[in-house]
C-alpha atoms as a PDB file:
ATOM      1  CA  UNK A   1      90.980  84.050  91.169  1.00  0.00           C
ATOM      2  CA  UNK A   2      90.906  83.607  95.218  1.00  0.00           C
ATOM      3  CA  UNK A   3      91.481  85.704  98.242  1.00  0.00           C
ATOM      4  CA  UNK A   4      92.309  83.528 101.131  1.00  0.00           C
ATOM      5  CA  UNK A   5      91.366  84.845 104.567  1.00  0.00           C
ATOM      6  CA  UNK A   6      93.865  84.008 106.737  1.00  0.00           C
ATOM      7  CA  UNK A   7      96.021  86.759 108.203  1.00  0.00           C
ATOM      8  CA  UNK A   8      98.764  88.026 110.373  1.00  0.00           C
ATOM      9  CA  UNK A   9     100.698  91.268 110.823  1.00  0.00           C
ATOM     10  CA  UNK A  10     103.929  89.238 110.874  1.00  0.00           C
ATOM     11  CA  UNK A  11     103.255  86.673 108.501  1.00  0.00           C
ATOM     12  CA  UNK A  12     105.035  86.271 105.189  1.00  0.00           C
ATOM     13  CA  UNK A  13     102.718  86.951 102.366  1.00  0.00           C
ATOM     14  CA  UNK A  14     103.018  84.262  99.901  1.00  0.00           C
ATOM     15  CA  UNK A  15     100.672  84.843  96.460  1.00  0.00           C
ATOM     16  CA  UNK A  16     100.139  81.429  93.969  1.00  0.00           C
ATOM     17  CA  UNK A  17      99.943  81.826  89.837  1.00  0.00           C
ATOM     18  CA  UNK A  18      98.693  78.607  88.953  1.00  0.00           C
ATOM     19  CA  UNK A  19      96.075  77.386  86.420  1.00  0.00           C
ATOM     20  CA  UNK A  20      95.710  73.580  87.837  1.00  0.00           C
ATOM     21  CA  UNK A  21      92.884  73.623  90.309  1.00  0.00           C
ATOM     22  CA  UNK A  22      94.410  70.462  91.565  1.00  0.00           C
ATOM     23  CA  UNK A  23      97.804  71.841  92.287  1.00  0.00           C
ATOM     24  CA  UNK A  24      96.928  75.050  93.614  1.00  0.00           C
ATOM     25  CA  UNK A  25      94.985  73.084  96.325  1.00  0.00           C
ATOM     26  CA  UNK A  26      97.782  70.803  97.085  1.00  0.00           C
ATOM     27  CA  UNK A  27     100.068  74.096  97.518  1.00  0.00           C
ATOM     28  CA  UNK A  28      96.984  75.968  99.482  1.00  0.00           C
ATOM     29  CA  UNK A  29      97.164  73.106 101.909  1.00  0.00           C
ATOM     30  CA  UNK A  30     101.073  73.091 102.633  1.00  0.00           C
ATOM     31  CA  UNK A  31     100.593  76.875 103.076  1.00  0.00           C
ATOM     32  CA  UNK A  32      97.823  76.900 105.386  1.00  0.00           C
ATOM     33  CA  UNK A  33     100.109  74.458 107.411  1.00  0.00           C
ATOM     34  CA  UNK A  34     102.805  76.253 108.109  1.00  0.00           C
ATOM     35  CA  UNK A  35     103.124  79.083 110.970  1.00  0.00           C
ATOM     36  CA  UNK A  36     103.541  83.108 110.049  1.00  0.00           C
ATOM     37  CA  UNK A  37     102.859  82.413 106.407  1.00  0.00           C
ATOM     38  CA  UNK A  38      99.703  83.992 104.792  1.00  0.00           C
ATOM     39  CA  UNK A  39      98.480  82.813 101.106  1.00  0.00           C
ATOM     40  CA  UNK A  40      97.484  86.666 100.020  1.00  0.00           C
ATOM     41  CA  UNK A  41      95.790  85.140  97.104  1.00  0.00           C
ATOM     42  CA  UNK A  42      95.446  82.772  94.118  1.00  0.00           C
ATOM     43  CA  UNK A  43      95.728  83.815  90.159  1.00  0.00           C
ATOM     44  CA  UNK A  44      94.841  81.610  87.300  1.00  0.00           C
ATOM     45  CA  UNK A  45      95.522  83.539  84.814  1.00  0.00           C
ATOM     46  CA  UNK A  46      98.518  86.225  83.555  1.00  0.00           C
ATOM     47  CA  UNK A  47      96.335  89.253  83.655  1.00  0.00           C
ATOM     48  CA  UNK A  48      94.652  88.655  87.206  1.00  0.00           C
ATOM     49  CA  UNK A  49      97.829  88.000  88.631  1.00  0.00           C
ATOM     50  CA  UNK A  50      99.636  91.317  87.692  1.00  0.00           C
ATOM     51  CA  UNK A  51      96.760  92.944  88.783  1.00  0.00           C
ATOM     52  CA  UNK A  52      96.762  90.467  92.361  1.00  0.00           C
ATOM     53  CA  UNK A  53     100.795  91.439  92.569  1.00  0.00           C
ATOM     54  CA  UNK A  54      99.690  95.262  92.915  1.00  0.00           C
ATOM     55  CA  UNK A  55      96.739  94.870  95.344  1.00  0.00           C
ATOM     56  CA  UNK A  56      98.437  92.110  97.457  1.00  0.00           C
ATOM     57  CA  UNK A  57     101.738  93.330  97.851  1.00  0.00           C
ATOM     58  CA  UNK A  58     103.513  89.765  98.308  1.00  0.00           C
ATOM     59  CA  UNK A  59     107.165  88.873  99.734  1.00  0.00           C
ATOM     60  CA  UNK A  60     106.970  85.444  97.773  1.00  0.00           C
ATOM     61  CA  UNK A  61     105.694  84.661  94.597  1.00  0.00           C
ATOM     62  CA  UNK A  62     105.048  80.912  93.203  1.00  0.00           C
ATOM     63  CA  UNK A  63     104.675  81.218  89.836  1.00  0.00           C
ATOM     64  CA  UNK A  64     103.512  78.433  87.247  1.00  0.00           C
ATOM     65  CA  UNK A  65     105.536  79.505  83.886  1.00  0.00           C
ATOM     66  CA  UNK A  66     102.673  77.809  81.644  1.00  0.00           C
ATOM     67  CA  UNK A  67      99.343  78.735  82.024  1.00  0.00           C
ATOM     68  CA  UNK A  68      96.399  78.320  79.758  1.00  0.00           C
ATOM     69  CA  UNK A  69      95.827  82.348  79.985  1.00  0.00           C
ATOM     70  CA  UNK A  70      99.447  84.171  79.018  1.00  0.00           C
ATOM     71  CA  UNK A  71     102.388  82.854  80.907  1.00  0.00           C
ATOM     72  CA  UNK A  72     104.668  82.981  83.933  1.00  0.00           C
ATOM     73  CA  UNK A  73     106.862  85.295  82.243  1.00  0.00           C
ATOM     74  CA  UNK A  74     104.188  87.675  81.099  1.00  0.00           C
ATOM     75  CA  UNK A  75     103.541  87.827  84.766  1.00  0.00           C
ATOM     76  CA  UNK A  76     107.277  89.182  86.009  1.00  0.00           C
ATOM     77  CA  UNK A  77     107.188  91.308  82.880  1.00  0.00           C
ATOM     78  CA  UNK A  78     103.807  92.544  84.237  1.00  0.00           C
ATOM     79  CA  UNK A  79     105.273  93.175  87.718  1.00  0.00           C
ATOM     80  CA  UNK A  80     104.559  96.867  88.240  1.00  0.00           C
ATOM     81  CA  UNK A  81     107.900  98.559  88.871  1.00  0.00           C
ATOM     82  CA  UNK A  82     106.965 100.515  91.915  1.00  0.00           C
ATOM     83  CA  UNK A  83     106.125  97.181  93.843  1.00  0.00           C
ATOM     84  CA  UNK A  84     109.431  94.970  92.454  1.00  0.00           C
ATOM     85  CA  UNK A  85     111.674  93.821  95.243  1.00  0.00           C
ATOM     86  CA  UNK A  86     114.598  96.057  95.912  1.00  0.00           C
ATOM     87  CA  UNK A  87     118.236  94.410  95.424  1.00  0.00           C
ATOM     88  CA  UNK A  88     119.046  93.636  99.020  1.00  0.00           C
ATOM     89  CA  UNK A  89     122.527  92.423  97.885  1.00  0.00           C
ATOM     90  CA  UNK A  90     123.765  95.989  97.148  1.00  0.00           C
END
């Protein structure tokens, strides 16, 4: 689990759940090159991802569905109800 430092009040907060260090590194590099994007954290397993969701409150979640420990669907099921996105279309 990593907590990148780049921060801005107006930045779009992105969290990454990926158990491949190579892929996580590439995605991190891409996000770092984009203006007004903040990587709030990287989790490599289901348990850490669920905790990090509550701790960092990302606006965007990039989620690997097949993790070595758990899976992406477990992350979604474990996403704390009080921080789930609201229905924006109603």
